[in-house]
């Protein structure tokens, strides 16, 4: 099972009122920055948002997950 795929979870904080498409683009960039050079992101899924701690509603914290696979695409299913 050496090259198994993996689902990871994280959050991104954005200004309130940002479109879900823009949030997803930011989440994809953040996810890509957190994988090694031998991995790539195959999808990002937004799970919802809540007011960011201490932001008084000016910012939202979005939860998301992303699927990481080896760059050569040989993940075992």
PDB file of N, CA and C in Angstrom:
ATOM      1  N   UNK A   1       0.814  -1.191   0.000  1.00  0.00           N
ATOM      2  CA  UNK A   1       0.000   0.000   0.000  1.00  0.00           C
ATOM      3  C   UNK A   1       0.858   1.256   0.000  1.00  0.00           C
ATOM      4  N   UNK A   2       1.994   1.244  -0.641  1.00  0.00           N
ATOM      5  CA  UNK A   2       2.968   2.312  -0.588  1.00  0.00           C
ATOM      6  C   UNK A   2       2.523   3.652  -1.106  1.00  0.00           C
ATOM      7  N   UNK A   3       1.721   3.714  -2.139  1.00  0.00           N
ATOM      8  CA  UNK A   3       1.344   4.984  -2.747  1.00  0.00           C
ATOM      9  C   UNK A   3      -0.136   5.294  -2.560  1.00  0.00           C
ATOM     10  N   UNK A   4      -0.658   5.108  -1.380  1.00  0.00           N
ATOM     11  CA  UNK A   4      -2.082   5.338  -1.141  1.00  0.00           C
ATOM     12  C   UNK A   4      -2.412   6.823  -1.171  1.00  0.00           C
ATOM     13  N   UNK A   5      -3.631   7.120  -1.601  1.00  0.00           N
ATOM     14  CA  UNK A   5      -4.098   8.500  -1.571  1.00  0.00           C
ATOM     15  C   UNK A   5      -4.525   8.843  -0.148  1.00  0.00           C
ATOM     16  N   UNK A   6      -4.754  10.121   0.094  1.00  0.00           N
ATOM     17  CA  UNK A   6      -5.061  10.580   1.449  1.00  0.00           C
ATOM     18  C   UNK A   6      -6.004  11.778   1.369  1.00  0.00           C
ATOM     19  N   UNK A   7      -6.935  11.877   2.315  1.00  0.00           N
ATOM     20  CA  UNK A   7      -7.790  13.055   2.435  1.00  0.00           C
ATOM     21  C   UNK A   7      -7.317  13.837   3.654  1.00  0.00           C
ATOM     22  N   UNK A   8      -7.062  15.130   3.432  1.00  0.00           N
ATOM     23  CA  UNK A   8      -6.633  16.013   4.517  1.00  0.00           C
ATOM     24  C   UNK A   8      -7.676  17.102   4.709  1.00  0.00           C
ATOM     25  N   UNK A   9      -7.686  17.699   5.902  1.00  0.00           N
ATOM     26  CA  UNK A   9      -8.640  18.750   6.231  1.00  0.00           C
ATOM     27  C   UNK A   9      -7.910  19.968   6.774  1.00  0.00           C
ATOM     28  N   UNK A  10      -8.491  21.150   6.501  1.00  0.00           N
ATOM     29  CA  UNK A  10      -7.886  22.389   6.963  1.00  0.00           C
ATOM     30  C   UNK A  10      -8.947  23.480   6.965  1.00  0.00           C
ATOM     31  N   UNK A  11      -8.539  24.687   7.320  1.00  0.00           N
ATOM     32  CA  UNK A  11      -9.430  25.841   7.269  1.00  0.00           C
ATOM     33  C   UNK A  11      -8.705  26.992   6.585  1.00  0.00           C
ATOM     34  N   UNK A  12      -9.498  27.924   6.068  1.00  0.00           N
ATOM     35  CA  UNK A  12      -8.967  29.152   5.494  1.00  0.00           C
ATOM     36  C   UNK A  12      -9.868  30.289   5.970  1.00  0.00           C
ATOM     37  N   UNK A  13      -9.268  31.408   6.371  1.00  0.00           N
ATOM     38  CA  UNK A  13     -10.018  32.565   6.845  1.00  0.00           C
ATOM     39  C   UNK A  13     -10.037  33.624   5.759  1.00  0.00           C
ATOM     40  N   UNK A  14     -11.239  34.116   5.451  1.00  0.00           N
ATOM     41  CA  UNK A  14     -11.408  35.077   4.357  1.00  0.00           C
ATOM     42  C   UNK A  14     -12.353  36.187   4.803  1.00  0.00           C
ATOM     43  N   UNK A  15     -12.355  37.320   4.085  1.00  0.00           N
ATOM     44  CA  UNK A  15     -13.316  38.382   4.403  1.00  0.00           C
ATOM     45  C   UNK A  15     -14.753  37.895   4.190  1.00  0.00           C
ATOM     46  N   UNK A  16     -15.658  38.306   5.050  1.00  0.00           N
ATOM     47  CA  UNK A  16     -17.074  37.971   4.883  1.00  0.00           C
ATOM     48  C   UNK A  16     -17.537  38.529   3.542  1.00  0.00           C
ATOM     49  N   UNK A  17     -18.383  37.791   2.855  1.00  0.00           N
ATOM     50  CA  UNK A  17     -18.897  38.238   1.567  1.00  0.00           C
ATOM     51  C   UNK A  17     -18.109  37.732   0.377  1.00  0.00           C
ATOM     52  N   UNK A  18     -16.990  37.064   0.608  1.00  0.00           N
ATOM     53  CA  UNK A  18     -16.223  36.490  -0.503  1.00  0.00           C
ATOM     54  C   UNK A  18     -17.017  35.333  -1.094  1.00  0.00           C
ATOM     55  N   UNK A  19     -17.029  35.226  -2.403  1.00  0.00           N
ATOM     56  CA  UNK A  19     -17.805  34.177  -3.060  1.00  0.00           C
ATOM     57  C   UNK A  19     -17.213  32.793  -2.777  1.00  0.00           C
ATOM     58  N   UNK A  20     -18.063  31.772  -2.733  1.00  0.00           N
ATOM     59  CA  UNK A  20     -17.546  30.407  -2.536  1.00  0.00           C
ATOM     60  C   UNK A  20     -16.513  30.006  -3.596  1.00  0.00           C
ATOM     61  N   UNK A  21     -16.662  30.470  -4.820  1.00  0.00           N
ATOM     62  CA  UNK A  21     -15.680  30.143  -5.866  1.00  0.00           C
ATOM     63  C   UNK A  21     -14.308  30.728  -5.523  1.00  0.00           C
ATOM     64  N   UNK A  22     -14.290  31.959  -5.012  1.00  0.00           N
ATOM     65  CA  UNK A  22     -13.022  32.571  -4.617  1.00  0.00           C
ATOM     66  C   UNK A  22     -12.431  31.882  -3.392  1.00  0.00           C
ATOM     67  N   UNK A  23     -13.293  31.491  -2.452  1.00  0.00           N
ATOM     68  CA  UNK A  23     -12.834  30.761  -1.264  1.00  0.00           C
ATOM     69  C   UNK A  23     -12.197  29.438  -1.697  1.00  0.00           C
ATOM     70  N   UNK A  24     -12.849  28.748  -2.629  1.00  0.00           N
ATOM     71  CA  UNK A  24     -12.320  27.467  -3.094  1.00  0.00           C
ATOM     72  C   UNK A  24     -10.965  27.660  -3.762  1.00  0.00           C
ATOM     73  N   UNK A  25     -10.804  28.715  -4.548  1.00  0.00           N
ATOM     74  CA  UNK A  25      -9.517  28.988  -5.193  1.00  0.00           C
ATOM     75  C   UNK A  25      -8.423  29.227  -4.148  1.00  0.00           C
ATOM     76  N   UNK A  26      -8.741  29.979  -3.104  1.00  0.00           N
ATOM     77  CA  UNK A  26      -7.763  30.197  -2.032  1.00  0.00           C
ATOM     78  C   UNK A  26      -7.438  28.899  -1.309  1.00  0.00           C
ATOM     79  N   UNK A  27      -8.460  28.088  -1.041  1.00  0.00           N
ATOM     80  CA  UNK A  27      -8.252  26.807  -0.376  1.00  0.00           C
ATOM     81  C   UNK A  27      -7.371  25.895  -1.227  1.00  0.00           C
ATOM     82  N   UNK A  28      -7.587  25.889  -2.542  1.00  0.00           N
ATOM     83  CA  UNK A  28      -6.756  25.073  -3.434  1.00  0.00           C
ATOM     84  C   UNK A  28      -5.302  25.517  -3.378  1.00  0.00           C
ATOM     85  N   UNK A  29      -5.069  26.831  -3.376  1.00  0.00           N
ATOM     86  CA  UNK A  29      -3.680  27.333  -3.293  1.00  0.00           C
ATOM     87  C   UNK A  29      -3.043  26.958  -1.962  1.00  0.00           C
ATOM     88  N   UNK A  30      -3.814  27.108  -0.861  1.00  0.00           N
ATOM     89  CA  UNK A  30      -3.273  26.755   0.454  1.00  0.00           C
ATOM     90  C   UNK A  30      -2.966  25.264   0.522  1.00  0.00           C
ATOM     91  N   UNK A  31      -3.888  24.438   0.017  1.00  0.00           N
ATOM     92  CA  UNK A  31      -3.673  22.992   0.029  1.00  0.00           C
ATOM     93  C   UNK A  31      -2.438  22.632  -0.778  1.00  0.00           C
ATOM     94  N   UNK A  32      -2.280  23.218  -1.951  1.00  0.00           N
ATOM     95  CA  UNK A  32      -1.128  22.907  -2.805  1.00  0.00           C
ATOM     96  C   UNK A  32       0.177  23.281  -2.115  1.00  0.00           C
ATOM     97  N   UNK A  33       0.150  24.359  -1.324  1.00  0.00           N
ATOM     98  CA  UNK A  33       1.369  24.782  -0.624  1.00  0.00           C
ATOM     99  C   UNK A  33       1.740  23.827   0.511  1.00  0.00           C
ATOM    100  N   UNK A  34       0.819  22.954   0.909  1.00  0.00           N
ATOM    101  CA  UNK A  34       1.058  22.058   2.035  1.00  0.00           C
ATOM    102  C   UNK A  34       1.375  20.622   1.634  1.00  0.00           C
ATOM    103  N   UNK A  35       1.496  20.359   0.345  1.00  0.00           N
ATOM    104  CA  UNK A  35       1.859  19.011  -0.085  1.00  0.00           C
ATOM    105  C   UNK A  35       3.303  19.009  -0.567  1.00  0.00           C
ATOM    106  N   UNK A  36       3.921  17.851  -0.521  1.00  0.00           N
ATOM    107  CA  UNK A  36       5.316  17.740  -0.948  1.00  0.00           C
ATOM    108  C   UNK A  36       5.412  17.766  -2.470  1.00  0.00           C
ATOM    109  N   UNK A  37       6.623  17.856  -2.965  1.00  0.00           N
ATOM    110  CA  UNK A  37       6.822  17.920  -4.418  1.00  0.00           C
ATOM    111  C   UNK A  37       6.425  16.610  -5.100  1.00  0.00           C
ATOM    112  N   UNK A  38       6.334  15.515  -4.352  1.00  0.00           N
ATOM    113  CA  UNK A  38       5.938  14.238  -4.925  1.00  0.00           C
ATOM    114  C   UNK A  38       4.445  13.976  -4.859  1.00  0.00           C
ATOM    115  N   UNK A  39       3.672  15.002  -4.471  1.00  0.00           N
ATOM    116  CA  UNK A  39       2.223  14.854  -4.328  1.00  0.00           C
ATOM    117  C   UNK A  39       1.510  15.950  -5.112  1.00  0.00           C
ATOM    118  N   UNK A  40       0.225  15.691  -5.387  1.00  0.00           N
ATOM    119  CA  UNK A  40      -0.598  16.740  -5.992  1.00  0.00           C
ATOM    120  C   UNK A  40      -2.010  16.650  -5.443  1.00  0.00           C
ATOM    121  N   UNK A  41      -2.759  17.729  -5.614  1.00  0.00           N
ATOM    122  CA  UNK A  41      -4.133  17.825  -5.154  1.00  0.00           C
ATOM    123  C   UNK A  41      -5.051  17.382  -6.289  1.00  0.00           C
ATOM    124  N   UNK A  42      -5.991  16.472  -5.999  1.00  0.00           N
ATOM    125  CA  UNK A  42      -6.912  16.059  -7.053  1.00  0.00           C
ATOM    126  C   UNK A  42      -8.281  16.706  -6.903  1.00  0.00           C
ATOM    127  N   UNK A  43      -8.658  17.202  -5.727  1.00  0.00           N
ATOM    128  CA  UNK A  43      -9.892  17.974  -5.566  1.00  0.00           C
ATOM    129  C   UNK A  43      -9.874  18.689  -4.226  1.00  0.00           C
ATOM    130  N   UNK A  44     -10.671  19.750  -4.141  1.00  0.00           N
ATOM    131  CA  UNK A  44     -10.900  20.475  -2.887  1.00  0.00           C
ATOM    132  C   UNK A  44     -12.402  20.585  -2.708  1.00  0.00           C
ATOM    133  N   UNK A  45     -12.887  20.291  -1.507  1.00  0.00           N
ATOM    134  CA  UNK A  45     -14.324  20.357  -1.217  1.00  0.00           C
ATOM    135  C   UNK A  45     -14.548  21.280  -0.024  1.00  0.00           C
ATOM    136  N   UNK A  46     -15.375  22.324  -0.211  1.00  0.00           N
ATOM    137  CA  UNK A  46     -15.725  23.213   0.893  1.00  0.00           C
ATOM    138  C   UNK A  46     -16.808  22.562   1.744  1.00  0.00           C
ATOM    139  N   UNK A  47     -16.670  22.680   3.069  1.00  0.00           N
ATOM    140  CA  UNK A  47     -17.630  22.062   3.988  1.00  0.00           C
ATOM    141  C   UNK A  47     -18.513  23.066   4.709  1.00  0.00           C
ATOM    142  N   UNK A  48     -18.261  24.328   4.556  1.00  0.00           N
ATOM    143  CA  UNK A  48     -19.080  25.337   5.219  1.00  0.00           C
ATOM    144  C   UNK A  48     -18.222  26.332   5.969  1.00  0.00           C
ATOM    145  N   UNK A  49     -18.893  27.362   6.476  1.00  0.00           N
ATOM    146  CA  UNK A  49     -18.156  28.435   7.142  1.00  0.00           C
ATOM    147  C   UNK A  49     -18.818  28.804   8.461  1.00  0.00           C
ATOM    148  N   UNK A  50     -18.062  29.544   9.254  1.00  0.00           N
ATOM    149  CA  UNK A  50     -18.556  30.107  10.506  1.00  0.00           C
ATOM    150  C   UNK A  50     -17.771  31.398  10.746  1.00  0.00           C
ATOM    151  N   UNK A  51     -18.284  32.285  11.576  1.00  0.00           N
ATOM    152  CA  UNK A  51     -17.516  33.505  11.862  1.00  0.00           C
ATOM    153  C   UNK A  51     -16.139  33.144  12.425  1.00  0.00           C
ATOM    154  N   UNK A  52     -15.123  33.816  11.931  1.00  0.00           N
ATOM    155  CA  UNK A  52     -13.763  33.564  12.428  1.00  0.00           C
ATOM    156  C   UNK A  52     -13.658  34.066  13.870  1.00  0.00           C
ATOM    157  N   UNK A  53     -12.957  33.336  14.724  1.00  0.00           N
ATOM    158  CA  UNK A  53     -12.807  33.757  16.116  1.00  0.00           C
ATOM    159  C   UNK A  53     -12.236  35.173  16.212  1.00  0.00           C
ATOM    160  N   UNK A  54     -12.900  36.014  16.978  1.00  0.00           N
ATOM    161  CA  UNK A  54     -12.425  37.368  17.221  1.00  0.00           C
ATOM    162  C   UNK A  54     -12.609  38.347  16.073  1.00  0.00           C
ATOM    163  N   UNK A  55     -13.355  37.976  15.040  1.00  0.00           N
ATOM    164  CA  UNK A  55     -13.471  38.859  13.875  1.00  0.00           C
ATOM    165  C   UNK A  55     -14.712  39.739  13.900  1.00  0.00           C
ATOM    166  N   UNK A  56     -15.609  39.537  14.849  1.00  0.00           N
ATOM    167  CA  UNK A  56     -16.866  40.290  14.931  1.00  0.00           C
ATOM    168  C   UNK A  56     -17.664  40.209  13.637  1.00  0.00           C
ATOM    169  N   UNK A  57     -17.563  39.094  12.943  1.00  0.00           N
ATOM    170  CA  UNK A  57     -18.329  38.885  11.720  1.00  0.00           C
ATOM    171  C   UNK A  57     -17.692  39.438  10.462  1.00  0.00           C
ATOM    172  N   UNK A  58     -16.545  40.085  10.559  1.00  0.00           N
ATOM    173  CA  UNK A  58     -15.888  40.665   9.390  1.00  0.00           C
ATOM    174  C   UNK A  58     -15.188  39.600   8.557  1.00  0.00           C
ATOM    175  N   UNK A  59     -14.875  38.464   9.180  1.00  0.00           N
ATOM    176  CA  UNK A  59     -14.189  37.375   8.479  1.00  0.00           C
ATOM    177  C   UNK A  59     -14.900  36.062   8.758  1.00  0.00           C
ATOM    178  N   UNK A  60     -14.784  35.142   7.802  1.00  0.00           N
ATOM    179  CA  UNK A  60     -15.338  33.797   7.951  1.00  0.00           C
ATOM    180  C   UNK A  60     -14.212  32.779   7.899  1.00  0.00           C
ATOM    181  N   UNK A  61     -14.386  31.715   8.653  1.00  0.00           N
ATOM    182  CA  UNK A  61     -13.460  30.590   8.627  1.00  0.00           C
ATOM    183  C   UNK A  61     -14.162  29.449   7.885  1.00  0.00           C
ATOM    184  N   UNK A  62     -13.640  29.098   6.722  1.00  0.00           N
ATOM    185  CA  UNK A  62     -14.201  28.013   5.910  1.00  0.00           C
ATOM    186  C   UNK A  62     -13.438  26.731   6.195  1.00  0.00           C
ATOM    187  N   UNK A  63     -14.175  25.644   6.390  1.00  0.00           N
ATOM    188  CA  UNK A  63     -13.585  24.310   6.521  1.00  0.00           C
ATOM    189  C   UNK A  63     -13.561  23.674   5.142  1.00  0.00           C
ATOM    190  N   UNK A  64     -12.497  22.957   4.846  1.00  0.00           N
ATOM    191  CA  UNK A  64     -12.409  22.266   3.563  1.00  0.00           C
ATOM    192  C   UNK A  64     -11.575  21.004   3.705  1.00  0.00           C
ATOM    193  N   UNK A  65     -11.750  20.116   2.747  1.00  0.00           N
ATOM    194  CA  UNK A  65     -10.921  18.915   2.679  1.00  0.00           C
ATOM    195  C   UNK A  65     -10.356  18.834   1.276  1.00  0.00           C
ATOM    196  N   UNK A  66      -9.240  18.119   1.163  1.00  0.00           N
ATOM    197  CA  UNK A  66      -8.618  17.949  -0.145  1.00  0.00           C
ATOM    198  C   UNK A  66      -7.998  16.567  -0.255  1.00  0.00           C
ATOM    199  N   UNK A  67      -8.021  16.045  -1.458  1.00  0.00           N
ATOM    200  CA  UNK A  67      -7.541  14.702  -1.756  1.00  0.00           C
ATOM    201  C   UNK A  67      -6.129  14.812  -2.311  1.00  0.00           C
ATOM    202  N   UNK A  68      -5.193  14.147  -1.676  1.00  0.00           N
ATOM    203  CA  UNK A  68      -3.785  14.184  -2.082  1.00  0.00           C
ATOM    204  C   UNK A  68      -3.428  12.848  -2.716  1.00  0.00           C
ATOM    205  N   UNK A  69      -2.807  12.910  -3.886  1.00  0.00           N
ATOM    206  CA  UNK A  69      -2.357  11.700  -4.563  1.00  0.00           C
ATOM    207  C   UNK A  69      -0.907  11.887  -4.999  1.00  0.00           C
ATOM    208  N   UNK A  70      -0.193  10.788  -5.215  1.00  0.00           N
ATOM    209  CA  UNK A  70       1.174  10.915  -5.726  1.00  0.00           C
ATOM    210  C   UNK A  70       1.185  11.602  -7.085  1.00  0.00           C
ATOM    211  N   UNK A  71       2.216  12.370  -7.357  1.00  0.00           N
ATOM    212  CA  UNK A  71       2.301  13.103  -8.627  1.00  0.00           C
ATOM    213  C   UNK A  71       2.252  12.191  -9.833  1.00  0.00           C
ATOM    214  N   UNK A  72       2.744  10.973  -9.693  1.00  0.00           N
ATOM    215  CA  UNK A  72       2.729  10.061 -10.850  1.00  0.00           C
ATOM    216  C   UNK A  72       1.375   9.399 -11.051  1.00  0.00           C
ATOM    217  N   UNK A  73       0.410   9.684 -10.132  1.00  0.00           N
ATOM    218  CA  UNK A  73      -0.945   9.185 -10.285  1.00  0.00           C
ATOM    219  C   UNK A  73      -1.135   7.719  -9.987  1.00  0.00           C
ATOM    220  N   UNK A  74      -0.219   7.110  -9.247  1.00  0.00           N
ATOM    221  CA  UNK A  74      -0.299   5.673  -8.983  1.00  0.00           C
ATOM    222  C   UNK A  74      -0.933   5.349  -7.635  1.00  0.00           C
ATOM    223  N   UNK A  75      -1.793   6.198  -7.144  1.00  0.00           N
ATOM    224  CA  UNK A  75      -2.450   5.923  -5.863  1.00  0.00           C
ATOM    225  C   UNK A  75      -3.278   4.670  -5.933  1.00  0.00           C
ATOM    226  N   UNK A  76      -3.183   3.868  -4.881  1.00  0.00           N
ATOM    227  CA  UNK A  76      -4.014   2.655  -4.808  1.00  0.00           C
ATOM    228  C   UNK A  76      -5.402   3.047  -4.360  1.00  0.00           C
ATOM    229  N   UNK A  77      -6.410   2.513  -4.981  1.00  0.00           N
ATOM    230  CA  UNK A  77      -7.790   2.859  -4.653  1.00  0.00           C
ATOM    231  C   UNK A  77      -8.355   1.855  -3.683  1.00  0.00           C
TER     232      UNK A  77
END
